[in-house]
Amino acid sequence: MFGGIYKNRRVLVTGHTGFKGSWLCKWLEILGSKVVGYSLKPSVHPNHFDQLGLKVESSFNDIVEYSTIKRVFSKFQPEIVFHLAAQPLVLESYDNPLKTFNTNIMGSVNI
């Protein structure tokens, strides 16, 4: 599947504790990738990330912390990056627009 493009590749997934990110990590595991995830810890329990029992190396930090994400890039040296980290909740964005902007815009800039 996928011509073996992901086999034995170092893949970084931001937002890996979210629903889509955790599924992506599962698929990458199945495809033979070495996966490292960068995300906040899951905020609810039970959650999809914990239920999957992924064998990924996790860095639980905020995407706006540039020095931390830089260290992950330096240490892991990913060949492929999937950037899924975001604050996706519309109502939350109304309540906290600055945090939403920082996460969604500056988080992307940091990547």
PDB file of N, CA and C in Angstrom:
ATOM      1  N   MET A   1       0.837  -1.179   0.000  1.00  0.00           N
ATOM      2  CA  MET A   1       0.000   0.000   0.000  1.00  0.00           C
ATOM      3  C   MET A   1       0.883   1.245   0.000  1.00  0.00           C
ATOM      4  N   PHE A   2       0.549   2.229  -0.805  1.00  0.00           N
ATOM      5  CA  PHE A   2       1.293   3.482  -0.945  1.00  0.00           C
ATOM      6  C   PHE A   2       2.710   3.246  -1.468  1.00  0.00           C
ATOM      7  N   GLY A   3       2.957   2.108  -2.083  1.00  0.00           N
ATOM      8  CA  GLY A   3       4.256   1.826  -2.671  1.00  0.00           C
ATOM      9  C   GLY A   3       5.385   1.770  -1.657  1.00  0.00           C
ATOM     10  N   GLY A   4       5.064   1.518  -0.398  1.00  0.00           N
ATOM     11  CA  GLY A   4       6.087   1.426   0.627  1.00  0.00           C
ATOM     12  C   GLY A   4       6.713   2.754   1.018  1.00  0.00           C
ATOM     13  N   ILE A   5       6.120   3.858   0.612  1.00  0.00           N
ATOM     14  CA  ILE A   5       6.712   5.182   0.853  1.00  0.00           C
ATOM     15  C   ILE A   5       6.891   5.495   2.337  1.00  0.00           C
ATOM     16  N   TYR A   6       6.038   4.948   3.204  1.00  0.00           N
ATOM     17  CA  TYR A   6       6.114   5.248   4.635  1.00  0.00           C
ATOM     18  C   TYR A   6       6.926   4.229   5.430  1.00  0.00           C
ATOM     19  N   LYS A   7       7.270   3.119   4.820  1.00  0.00           N
ATOM     20  CA  LYS A   7       7.995   2.063   5.534  1.00  0.00           C
ATOM     21  C   LYS A   7       9.379   2.564   5.961  1.00  0.00           C
ATOM     22  N   ASN A   8       9.657   2.400   7.262  1.00  0.00           N
ATOM     23  CA  ASN A   8      10.938   2.788   7.867  1.00  0.00           C
ATOM     24  C   ASN A   8      11.233   4.287   7.777  1.00  0.00           C
ATOM     25  N   ARG A   9      10.225   5.110   7.548  1.00  0.00           N
ATOM     26  CA  ARG A   9      10.414   6.561   7.505  1.00  0.00           C
ATOM     27  C   ARG A   9      10.133   7.156   8.877  1.00  0.00           C
ATOM     28  N   ARG A  10      10.873   8.215   9.207  1.00  0.00           N
ATOM     29  CA  ARG A  10      10.631   8.967  10.434  1.00  0.00           C
ATOM     30  C   ARG A  10       9.544   9.997  10.134  1.00  0.00           C
ATOM     31  N   VAL A  11       8.398   9.833  10.804  1.00  0.00           N
ATOM     32  CA  VAL A  11       7.244  10.686  10.531  1.00  0.00           C
ATOM     33  C   VAL A  11       6.831  11.399  11.817  1.00  0.00           C
ATOM     34  N   LEU A  12       6.717  12.720  11.738  1.00  0.00           N
ATOM     35  CA  LEU A  12       6.227  13.541  12.843  1.00  0.00           C
ATOM     36  C   LEU A  12       4.772  13.881  12.581  1.00  0.00           C
ATOM     37  N   VAL A  13       3.920  13.633  13.585  1.00  0.00           N
ATOM     38  CA  VAL A  13       2.503  13.993  13.488  1.00  0.00           C
ATOM     39  C   VAL A  13       2.196  14.953  14.627  1.00  0.00           C
ATOM     40  N   THR A  14       1.861  16.200  14.287  1.00  0.00           N
ATOM     41  CA  THR A  14       1.409  17.126  15.320  1.00  0.00           C
ATOM     42  C   THR A  14      -0.089  16.925  15.490  1.00  0.00           C
ATOM     43  N   GLY A  15      -0.562  17.116  16.708  1.00  0.00           N
ATOM     44  CA  GLY A  15      -1.976  16.867  16.974  1.00  0.00           C
ATOM     45  C   GLY A  15      -2.290  15.385  17.018  1.00  0.00           C
ATOM     46  N   HIS A  16      -1.319  14.586  17.407  1.00  0.00           N
ATOM     47  CA  HIS A  16      -1.475  13.127  17.351  1.00  0.00           C
ATOM     48  C   HIS A  16      -2.425  12.561  18.396  1.00  0.00           C
ATOM     49  N   THR A  17      -2.818  13.352  19.393  1.00  0.00           N
ATOM     50  CA  THR A  17      -3.758  12.848  20.395  1.00  0.00           C
ATOM     51  C   THR A  17      -5.209  13.103  20.011  1.00  0.00           C
ATOM     52  N   GLY A  18      -5.429  13.865  18.955  1.00  0.00           N
ATOM     53  CA  GLY A  18      -6.790  14.104  18.482  1.00  0.00           C
ATOM     54  C   GLY A  18      -7.335  12.909  17.715  1.00  0.00           C
ATOM     55  N   PHE A  19      -8.593  12.975  17.352  1.00  0.00           N
ATOM     56  CA  PHE A  19      -9.241  11.854  16.670  1.00  0.00           C
ATOM     57  C   PHE A  19      -8.560  11.519  15.344  1.00  0.00           C
ATOM     58  N   LYS A  20      -8.396  12.521  14.491  1.00  0.00           N
ATOM     59  CA  LYS A  20      -7.768  12.272  13.187  1.00  0.00           C
ATOM     60  C   LYS A  20      -6.288  11.958  13.320  1.00  0.00           C
ATOM     61  N   GLY A  21      -5.616  12.677  14.216  1.00  0.00           N
ATOM     62  CA  GLY A  21      -4.188  12.442  14.415  1.00  0.00           C
ATOM     63  C   GLY A  21      -3.888  11.054  14.932  1.00  0.00           C
ATOM     64  N   SER A  22      -4.710  10.566  15.861  1.00  0.00           N
ATOM     65  CA  SER A  22      -4.471   9.226  16.394  1.00  0.00           C
ATOM     66  C   SER A  22      -4.739   8.158  15.336  1.00  0.00           C
ATOM     67  N   TRP A  23      -5.756   8.362  14.498  1.00  0.00           N
ATOM     68  CA  TRP A  23      -5.990   7.412  13.403  1.00  0.00           C
ATOM     69  C   TRP A  23      -4.825   7.435  12.418  1.00  0.00           C
ATOM     70  N   LEU A  24      -4.328   8.620  12.115  1.00  0.00           N
ATOM     71  CA  LEU A  24      -3.193   8.721  11.200  1.00  0.00           C
ATOM     72  C   LEU A  24      -1.990   7.970  11.762  1.00  0.00           C
ATOM     73  N   CYS A  25      -1.725   8.148  13.057  1.00  0.00           N
ATOM     74  CA  CYS A  25      -0.611   7.437  13.695  1.00  0.00           C
ATOM     75  C   CYS A  25      -0.793   5.924  13.598  1.00  0.00           C
ATOM     76  N   LYS A  26      -2.011   5.466  13.787  1.00  0.00           N
ATOM     77  CA  LYS A  26      -2.288   4.022  13.687  1.00  0.00           C
ATOM     78  C   LYS A  26      -1.968   3.516  12.284  1.00  0.00           C
ATOM     79  N   TRP A  27      -2.416   4.244  11.275  1.00  0.00           N
ATOM     80  CA  TRP A  27      -2.138   3.860   9.892  1.00  0.00           C
ATOM     81  C   TRP A  27      -0.643   3.866   9.611  1.00  0.00           C
ATOM     82  N   LEU A  28       0.046   4.882  10.096  1.00  0.00           N
ATOM     83  CA  LEU A  28       1.486   4.955   9.874  1.00  0.00           C
ATOM     84  C   LEU A  28       2.218   3.803  10.550  1.00  0.00           C
ATOM     85  N   GLU A  29       1.757   3.422  11.737  1.00  0.00           N
ATOM     86  CA  GLU A  29       2.324   2.236  12.399  1.00  0.00           C
ATOM     87  C   GLU A  29       2.144   0.998  11.531  1.00  0.00           C
ATOM     88  N   ILE A  30       0.937   0.807  11.029  1.00  0.00           N
ATOM     89  CA  ILE A  30       0.627  -0.350  10.180  1.00  0.00           C
ATOM     90  C   ILE A  30       1.506  -0.348   8.929  1.00  0.00           C
ATOM     91  N   LEU A  31       1.791   0.860   8.406  1.00  0.00           N
ATOM     92  CA  LEU A  31       2.598   0.989   7.198  1.00  0.00           C
ATOM     93  C   LEU A  31       4.100   0.910   7.471  1.00  0.00           C
ATOM     94  N   GLY A  32       4.484   0.755   8.751  1.00  0.00           N
ATOM     95  CA  GLY A  32       5.885   0.537   9.087  1.00  0.00           C
ATOM     96  C   GLY A  32       6.707   1.775   9.377  1.00  0.00           C
ATOM     97  N   SER A  33       6.055   2.898   9.655  1.00  0.00           N
ATOM     98  CA  SER A  33       6.777   4.132   9.969  1.00  0.00           C
ATOM     99  C   SER A  33       7.237   4.155  11.410  1.00  0.00           C
ATOM    100  N   LYS A  34       8.297   4.915  11.655  1.00  0.00           N
ATOM    101  CA  LYS A  34       8.707   5.256  13.022  1.00  0.00           C
ATOM    102  C   LYS A  34       8.057   6.603  13.289  1.00  0.00           C
ATOM    103  N   VAL A  35       7.073   6.616  14.181  1.00  0.00           N
ATOM    104  CA  VAL A  35       6.245   7.808  14.391  1.00  0.00           C
ATOM    105  C   VAL A  35       6.574   8.483  15.710  1.00  0.00           C
ATOM    106  N   VAL A  36       6.696   9.792  15.662  1.00  0.00           N
ATOM    107  CA  VAL A  36       6.757  10.592  16.879  1.00  0.00           C
ATOM    108  C   VAL A  36       5.592  11.582  16.800  1.00  0.00           C
ATOM    109  N   GLY A  37       4.902  11.734  17.928  1.00  0.00           N
ATOM    110  CA  GLY A  37       3.762  12.637  17.985  1.00  0.00           C
ATOM    111  C   GLY A  37       4.069  13.836  18.853  1.00  0.00           C
ATOM    112  N   TYR A  38       3.505  14.968  18.489  1.00  0.00           N
ATOM    113  CA  TYR A  38       3.676  16.206  19.241  1.00  0.00           C
ATOM    114  C   TYR A  38       2.293  16.811  19.431  1.00  0.00           C
ATOM    115  N   SER A  39       1.878  16.910  20.685  1.00  0.00           N
ATOM    116  CA  SER A  39       0.518  17.363  20.952  1.00  0.00           C
ATOM    117  C   SER A  39       0.340  17.652  22.426  1.00  0.00           C
ATOM    118  N   LEU A  40      -0.776  18.273  22.751  1.00  0.00           N
ATOM    119  CA  LEU A  40      -1.187  18.366  24.143  1.00  0.00           C
ATOM    120  C   LEU A  40      -1.688  16.992  24.583  1.00  0.00           C
ATOM    121  N   LYS A  41      -1.660  16.738  25.872  1.00  0.00           N
ATOM    122  CA  LYS A  41      -2.230  15.487  26.379  1.00  0.00           C
ATOM    123  C   LYS A  41      -3.734  15.506  26.139  1.00  0.00           C
ATOM    124  N   PRO A  42      -4.338  14.340  25.962  1.00  0.00           N
ATOM    125  CA  PRO A  42      -5.803  14.294  25.778  1.00  0.00           C
ATOM    126  C   PRO A  42      -6.508  14.945  26.965  1.00  0.00           C
ATOM    127  N   SER A  43      -7.556  15.689  26.666  1.00  0.00           N
ATOM    128  CA  SER A  43      -8.257  16.432  27.723  1.00  0.00           C
ATOM    129  C   SER A  43      -9.455  15.682  28.291  1.00  0.00           C
ATOM    130  N   VAL A  44      -9.845  14.594  27.654  1.00  0.00           N
ATOM    131  CA  VAL A  44     -10.980  13.799  28.146  1.00  0.00           C
ATOM    132  C   VAL A  44     -10.558  12.344  28.276  1.00  0.00           C
ATOM    133  N   HIS A  45     -11.242  11.640  29.166  1.00  0.00           N
ATOM    134  CA  HIS A  45     -10.971  10.219  29.366  1.00  0.00           C
ATOM    135  C   HIS A  45     -12.290   9.482  29.483  1.00  0.00           C
ATOM    136  N   PRO A  46     -12.510   8.401  28.781  1.00  0.00           N
ATOM    137  CA  PRO A  46     -11.582   7.795  27.842  1.00  0.00           C
ATOM    138  C   PRO A  46     -11.465   8.636  26.572  1.00  0.00           C
ATOM    139  N   ASN A  47     -10.433   8.371  25.796  1.00  0.00           N
ATOM    140  CA  ASN A  47     -10.223   9.075  24.536  1.00  0.00           C
ATOM    141  C   ASN A  47      -9.678   8.109  23.493  1.00  0.00           C
ATOM    142  N   HIS A  48      -9.800   8.498  22.260  1.00  0.00           N
ATOM    143  CA  HIS A  48      -9.412   7.651  21.134  1.00  0.00           C
ATOM    144  C   HIS A  48      -7.920   7.344  21.148  1.00  0.00           C
ATOM    145  N   PHE A  49      -7.100   8.322  21.457  1.00  0.00           N
ATOM    146  CA  PHE A  49      -5.652   8.133  21.487  1.00  0.00           C
ATOM    147  C   PHE A  49      -5.266   7.010  22.451  1.00  0.00           C
ATOM    148  N   ASP A  50      -5.765   7.071  23.679  1.00  0.00           N
ATOM    149  CA  ASP A  50      -5.447   6.029  24.657  1.00  0.00           C
ATOM    150  C   ASP A  50      -6.036   4.671  24.259  1.00  0.00           C
ATOM    151  N   GLN A  51      -7.231   4.686  23.686  1.00  0.00           N
ATOM    152  CA  GLN A  51      -7.888   3.433  23.312  1.00  0.00           C
ATOM    153  C   GLN A  51      -7.123   2.680  22.221  1.00  0.00           C
ATOM    154  N   LEU A  52      -6.432   3.401  21.339  1.00  0.00           N
ATOM    155  CA  LEU A  52      -5.699   2.738  20.254  1.00  0.00           C
ATOM    156  C   LEU A  52      -4.429   2.048  20.734  1.00  0.00           C
ATOM    157  N   GLY A  53      -3.900   2.449  21.874  1.00  0.00           N
ATOM    158  CA  GLY A  53      -2.678   1.830  22.387  1.00  0.00           C
ATOM    159  C   GLY A  53      -1.504   1.962  21.428  1.00  0.00           C
ATOM    160  N   LEU A  54      -1.327   3.147  20.903  1.00  0.00           N
ATOM    161  CA  LEU A  54      -0.278   3.393  19.910  1.00  0.00           C
ATOM    162  C   LEU A  54       1.122   3.193  20.480  1.00  0.00           C
ATOM    163  N   LYS A  55       2.018   2.774  19.620  1.00  0.00           N
ATOM    164  CA  LYS A  55       3.422   2.606  19.994  1.00  0.00           C
ATOM    165  C   LYS A  55       4.237   3.747  19.386  1.00  0.00           C
ATOM    166  N   VAL A  56       3.827   4.961  19.664  1.00  0.00           N
ATOM    167  CA  VAL A  56       4.528   6.122  19.141  1.00  0.00           C
ATOM    168  C   VAL A  56       5.255   6.826  20.281  1.00  0.00           C
ATOM    169  N   GLU A  57       6.349   7.474  19.939  1.00  0.00           N
ATOM    170  CA  GLU A  57       7.047   8.319  20.900  1.00  0.00           C
ATOM    171  C   GLU A  57       6.266   9.625  20.955  1.00  0.00           C
ATOM    172  N   SER A  58       5.881  10.039  22.151  1.00  0.00           N
ATOM    173  CA  SER A  58       5.043  11.236  22.291  1.00  0.00           C
ATOM    174  C   SER A  58       5.780  12.348  23.012  1.00  0.00           C
ATOM    175  N   SER A  59       5.616  13.551  22.486  1.00  0.00           N
ATOM    176  CA  SER A  59       6.078  14.757  23.158  1.00  0.00           C
ATOM    177  C   SER A  59       4.825  15.570  23.452  1.00  0.00           C
ATOM    178  N   PHE A  60       4.470  15.669  24.735  1.00  0.00           N
ATOM    179  CA  PHE A  60       3.250  16.370  25.120  1.00  0.00           C
ATOM    180  C   PHE A  60       3.585  17.816  25.474  1.00  0.00           C
ATOM    181  N   ASN A  61       3.437  18.676  24.478  1.00  0.00           N
ATOM    182  CA  ASN A  61       3.736  20.098  24.625  1.00  0.00           C
ATOM    183  C   ASN A  61       2.795  20.896  23.737  1.00  0.00           C
ATOM    184  N   ASP A  62       2.817  22.197  23.943  1.00  0.00           N
ATOM    185  CA  ASP A  62       1.990  23.114  23.164  1.00  0.00           C
ATOM    186  C   ASP A  62       2.721  23.485  21.877  1.00  0.00           C
ATOM    187  N   ILE A  63       2.014  23.508  20.773  1.00  0.00           N
ATOM    188  CA  ILE A  63       2.586  23.801  19.464  1.00  0.00           C
ATOM    189  C   ILE A  63       3.137  25.225  19.388  1.00  0.00           C
ATOM    190  N   VAL A  64       2.717  26.104  20.280  1.00  0.00           N
ATOM    191  CA  VAL A  64       3.231  27.478  20.270  1.00  0.00           C
ATOM    192  C   VAL A  64       4.593  27.593  20.953  1.00  0.00           C
ATOM    193  N   GLU A  65       5.071  26.527  21.596  1.00  0.00           N
ATOM    194  CA  GLU A  65       6.379  26.539  22.260  1.00  0.00           C
ATOM    195  C   GLU A  65       7.464  26.204  21.226  1.00  0.00           C
ATOM    196  N   TYR A  66       7.976  27.230  20.586  1.00  0.00           N
ATOM    197  CA  TYR A  66       8.925  27.045  19.488  1.00  0.00           C
ATOM    198  C   TYR A  66      10.162  26.251  19.902  1.00  0.00           C
ATOM    199  N   SER A  67      10.740  26.578  21.050  1.00  0.00           N
ATOM    200  CA  SER A  67      11.979  25.906  21.460  1.00  0.00           C
ATOM    201  C   SER A  67      11.766  24.403  21.634  1.00  0.00           C
ATOM    202  N   THR A  68      10.592  24.018  22.103  1.00  0.00           N
ATOM    203  CA  THR A  68      10.297  22.596  22.302  1.00  0.00           C
ATOM    204  C   THR A  68      10.131  21.877  20.969  1.00  0.00           C
ATOM    205  N   ILE A  69       9.374  22.466  20.066  1.00  0.00           N
ATOM    206  CA  ILE A  69       9.177  21.816  18.765  1.00  0.00           C
ATOM    207  C   ILE A  69      10.493  21.767  18.003  1.00  0.00           C
ATOM    208  N   LYS A  70      11.326  22.785  18.169  1.00  0.00           N
ATOM    209  CA  LYS A  70      12.633  22.790  17.516  1.00  0.00           C
ATOM    210  C   LYS A  70      13.499  21.629  18.022  1.00  0.00           C
ATOM    211  N   ARG A  71      13.448  21.370  19.330  1.00  0.00           N
ATOM    212  CA  ARG A  71      14.207  20.244  19.891  1.00  0.00           C
ATOM    213  C   ARG A  71      13.716  18.910  19.331  1.00  0.00           C
ATOM    214  N   VAL A  72      12.404  18.773  19.173  1.00  0.00           N
ATOM    215  CA  VAL A  72      11.849  17.532  18.611  1.00  0.00           C
ATOM    216  C   VAL A  72      12.345  17.342  17.175  1.00  0.00           C
ATOM    217  N   PHE A  73      12.329  18.414  16.387  1.00  0.00           N
ATOM    218  CA  PHE A  73      12.834  18.324  15.010  1.00  0.00           C
ATOM    219  C   PHE A  73      14.316  17.952  15.002  1.00  0.00           C
ATOM    220  N   SER A  74      15.100  18.578  15.864  1.00  0.00           N
ATOM    221  CA  SER A  74      16.538  18.310  15.913  1.00  0.00           C
ATOM    222  C   SER A  74      16.835  16.876  16.327  1.00  0.00           C
ATOM    223  N   LYS A  75      16.126  16.397  17.338  1.00  0.00           N
ATOM    224  CA  LYS A  75      16.364  15.043  17.846  1.00  0.00           C
ATOM    225  C   LYS A  75      15.866  13.975  16.874  1.00  0.00           C
ATOM    226  N   PHE A  76      14.645  14.127  16.391  1.00  0.00           N
ATOM    227  CA  PHE A  76      13.997  13.082  15.598  1.00  0.00           C
ATOM    228  C   PHE A  76      14.335  13.169  14.105  1.00  0.00           C
ATOM    229  N   GLN A  77      14.581  14.378  13.608  1.00  0.00           N
ATOM    230  CA  GLN A  77      14.869  14.629  12.197  1.00  0.00           C
ATOM    231  C   GLN A  77      13.868  13.940  11.270  1.00  0.00           C
ATOM    232  N   PRO A  78      12.592  14.354  11.357  1.00  0.00           N
ATOM    233  CA  PRO A  78      11.563  13.695  10.550  1.00  0.00           C
ATOM    234  C   PRO A  78      11.793  13.878   9.055  1.00  0.00           C
ATOM    235  N   GLU A  79      11.429  12.849   8.324  1.00  0.00           N
ATOM    236  CA  GLU A  79      11.473  12.900   6.869  1.00  0.00           C
ATOM    237  C   GLU A  79      10.138  13.381   6.309  1.00  0.00           C
ATOM    238  N   ILE A  80       9.083  13.135   7.069  1.00  0.00           N
ATOM    239  CA  ILE A  80       7.723  13.520   6.667  1.00  0.00           C
ATOM    240  C   ILE A  80       7.049  14.137   7.877  1.00  0.00           C
ATOM    241  N   VAL A  81       6.296  15.226   7.652  1.00  0.00           N
ATOM    242  CA  VAL A  81       5.565  15.891   8.733  1.00  0.00           C
ATOM    243  C   VAL A  81       4.105  16.035   8.333  1.00  0.00           C
ATOM    244  N   PHE A  82       3.219  15.598   9.226  1.00  0.00           N
ATOM    245  CA  PHE A  82       1.787  15.849   9.092  1.00  0.00           C
ATOM    246  C   PHE A  82       1.406  16.809  10.208  1.00  0.00           C
ATOM    247  N   HIS A  83       0.995  18.009   9.846  1.00  0.00           N
ATOM    248  CA  HIS A  83       0.669  19.033  10.842  1.00  0.00           C
ATOM    249  C   HIS A  83      -0.852  19.085  11.034  1.00  0.00           C
ATOM    250  N   LEU A  84      -1.327  18.459  12.121  1.00  0.00           N
ATOM    251  CA  LEU A  84      -2.754  18.433  12.428  1.00  0.00           C
ATOM    252  C   LEU A  84      -3.090  19.192  13.703  1.00  0.00           C
ATOM    253  N   ALA A  85      -2.082  19.717  14.395  1.00  0.00           N
ATOM    254  CA  ALA A  85      -2.335  20.419  15.657  1.00  0.00           C
ATOM    255  C   ALA A  85      -3.139  21.693  15.384  1.00  0.00           C
ATOM    256  N   ALA A  86      -4.208  21.867  16.149  1.00  0.00           N
ATOM    257  CA  ALA A  86      -5.056  23.052  15.991  1.00  0.00           C
ATOM    258  C   ALA A  86      -6.028  23.147  17.155  1.00  0.00           C
ATOM    259  N   GLN A  87      -6.573  24.320  17.296  1.00  0.00           N
ATOM    260  CA  GLN A  87      -7.716  24.517  18.193  1.00  0.00           C
ATOM    261  C   GLN A  87      -8.920  24.561  17.256  1.00  0.00           C
ATOM    262  N   PRO A  88      -9.673  23.466  17.114  1.00  0.00           N
ATOM    263  CA  PRO A  88     -10.701  23.370  16.083  1.00  0.00           C
ATOM    264  C   PRO A  88     -12.109  23.778  16.512  1.00  0.00           C
ATOM    265  N   LEU A  89     -12.324  24.077  17.776  1.00  0.00           N
ATOM    266  CA  LEU A  89     -13.678  24.295  18.273  1.00  0.00           C
ATOM    267  C   LEU A  89     -14.124  25.738  18.085  1.00  0.00           C
ATOM    268  N   VAL A  90     -15.193  25.926  17.346  1.00  0.00           N
ATOM    269  CA  VAL A  90     -15.672  27.264  17.033  1.00  0.00           C
ATOM    270  C   VAL A  90     -16.081  28.023  18.294  1.00  0.00           C
ATOM    271  N   LEU A  91     -16.857  27.397  19.165  1.00  0.00           N
ATOM    272  CA  LEU A  91     -17.287  28.092  20.386  1.00  0.00           C
ATOM    273  C   LEU A  91     -16.096  28.469  21.263  1.00  0.00           C
ATOM    274  N   GLU A  92     -15.118  27.590  21.347  1.00  0.00           N
ATOM    275  CA  GLU A  92     -13.891  27.898  22.088  1.00  0.00           C
ATOM    276  C   GLU A  92     -13.177  29.097  21.482  1.00  0.00           C
ATOM    277  N   SER A  93     -13.193  29.197  20.157  1.00  0.00           N
ATOM    278  CA  SER A  93     -12.524  30.320  19.497  1.00  0.00           C
ATOM    279  C   SER A  93     -13.204  31.648  19.822  1.00  0.00           C
ATOM    280  N   TYR A  94     -14.516  31.629  20.042  1.00  0.00           N
ATOM    281  CA  TYR A  94     -15.224  32.848  20.448  1.00  0.00           C
ATOM    282  C   TYR A  94     -14.824  33.253  21.865  1.00  0.00           C
ATOM    283  N   ASP A  95     -14.700  32.246  22.733  1.00  0.00           N
ATOM    284  CA  ASP A  95     -14.357  32.513  24.128  1.00  0.00           C
ATOM    285  C   ASP A  95     -12.898  32.904  24.305  1.00  0.00           C
ATOM    286  N   ASN A  96     -12.032  32.370  23.463  1.00  0.00           N
ATOM    287  CA  ASN A  96     -10.605  32.618  23.624  1.00  0.00           C
ATOM    288  C   ASN A  96      -9.942  32.801  22.251  1.00  0.00           C
ATOM    289  N   PRO A  97     -10.223  33.925  21.588  1.00  0.00           N
ATOM    290  CA  PRO A  97      -9.702  34.124  20.226  1.00  0.00           C
ATOM    291  C   PRO A  97      -8.177  34.236  20.166  1.00  0.00           C
ATOM    292  N   LEU A  98      -7.550  34.825  21.172  1.00  0.00           N
ATOM    293  CA  LEU A  98      -6.094  34.971  21.138  1.00  0.00           C
ATOM    294  C   LEU A  98      -5.397  33.616  21.197  1.00  0.00           C
ATOM    295  N   LYS A  99      -5.863  32.750  22.090  1.00  0.00           N
ATOM    296  CA  LYS A  99      -5.277  31.413  22.175  1.00  0.00           C
ATOM    297  C   LYS A  99      -5.502  30.650  20.869  1.00  0.00           C
ATOM    298  N   THR A 100      -6.683  30.773  20.293  1.00  0.00           N
ATOM    299  CA  THR A 100      -6.988  30.107  19.028  1.00  0.00           C
ATOM    300  C   THR A 100      -6.056  30.602  17.930  1.00  0.00           C
ATOM    301  N   PHE A 101      -5.877  31.904  17.835  1.00  0.00           N
ATOM    302  CA  PHE A 101      -4.979  32.479  16.835  1.00  0.00           C
ATOM    303  C   PHE A 101      -3.558  31.967  17.045  1.00  0.00           C
ATOM    304  N   ASN A 102      -3.078  32.024  18.283  1.00  0.00           N
ATOM    305  CA  ASN A 102      -1.712  31.578  18.565  1.00  0.00           C
ATOM    306  C   ASN A 102      -1.523  30.111  18.202  1.00  0.00           C
ATOM    307  N   THR A 103      -2.481  29.284  18.576  1.00  0.00           N
ATOM    308  CA  THR A 103      -2.369  27.857  18.278  1.00  0.00           C
ATOM    309  C   THR A 103      -2.414  27.602  16.777  1.00  0.00           C
ATOM    310  N   ASN A 104      -3.392  28.151  16.103  1.00  0.00           N
ATOM    311  CA  ASN A 104      -3.614  27.831  14.690  1.00  0.00           C
ATOM    312  C   ASN A 104      -2.660  28.536  13.742  1.00  0.00           C
ATOM    313  N   ILE A 105      -2.306  29.766  14.047  1.00  0.00           N
ATOM    314  CA  ILE A 105      -1.426  30.513  13.153  1.00  0.00           C
ATOM    315  C   ILE A 105       0.035  30.362  13.560  1.00  0.00           C
ATOM    316  N   MET A 106       0.350  30.732  14.801  1.00  0.00           N
ATOM    317  CA  MET A 106       1.740  30.667  15.226  1.00  0.00           C
ATOM    318  C   MET A 106       2.230  29.223  15.339  1.00  0.00           C
ATOM    319  N   GLY A 107       1.331  28.297  15.664  1.00  0.00           N
ATOM    320  CA  GLY A 107       1.709  26.883  15.663  1.00  0.00           C
ATOM    321  C   GLY A 107       2.159  26.447  14.276  1.00  0.00           C
ATOM    322  N   SER A 108       1.441  26.886  13.270  1.00  0.00           N
ATOM    323  CA  SER A 108       1.826  26.555  11.887  1.00  0.00           C
ATOM    324  C   SER A 108       3.141  27.227  11.516  1.00  0.00           C
ATOM    325  N   VAL A 109       3.313  28.471  11.938  1.00  0.00           N
ATOM    326  CA  VAL A 109       4.570  29.173  11.686  1.00  0.00           C
ATOM    327  C   VAL A 109       5.731  28.406  12.324  1.00  0.00           C
ATOM    328  N   ASN A 110       5.535  27.919  13.543  1.00  0.00           N
ATOM    329  CA  ASN A 110       6.592  27.171  14.228  1.00  0.00           C
ATOM    330  C   ASN A 110       6.988  25.906  13.471  1.00  0.00           C
ATOM    331  N   ILE A 111       6.009  25.263  12.871  1.00  0.00           N
ATOM    332  CA  ILE A 111       6.318  24.065  12.078  1.00  0.00           C
ATOM    333  C   ILE A 111       7.067  24.454  10.825  1.00  0.00           C
TER     334      ILE A 111
END
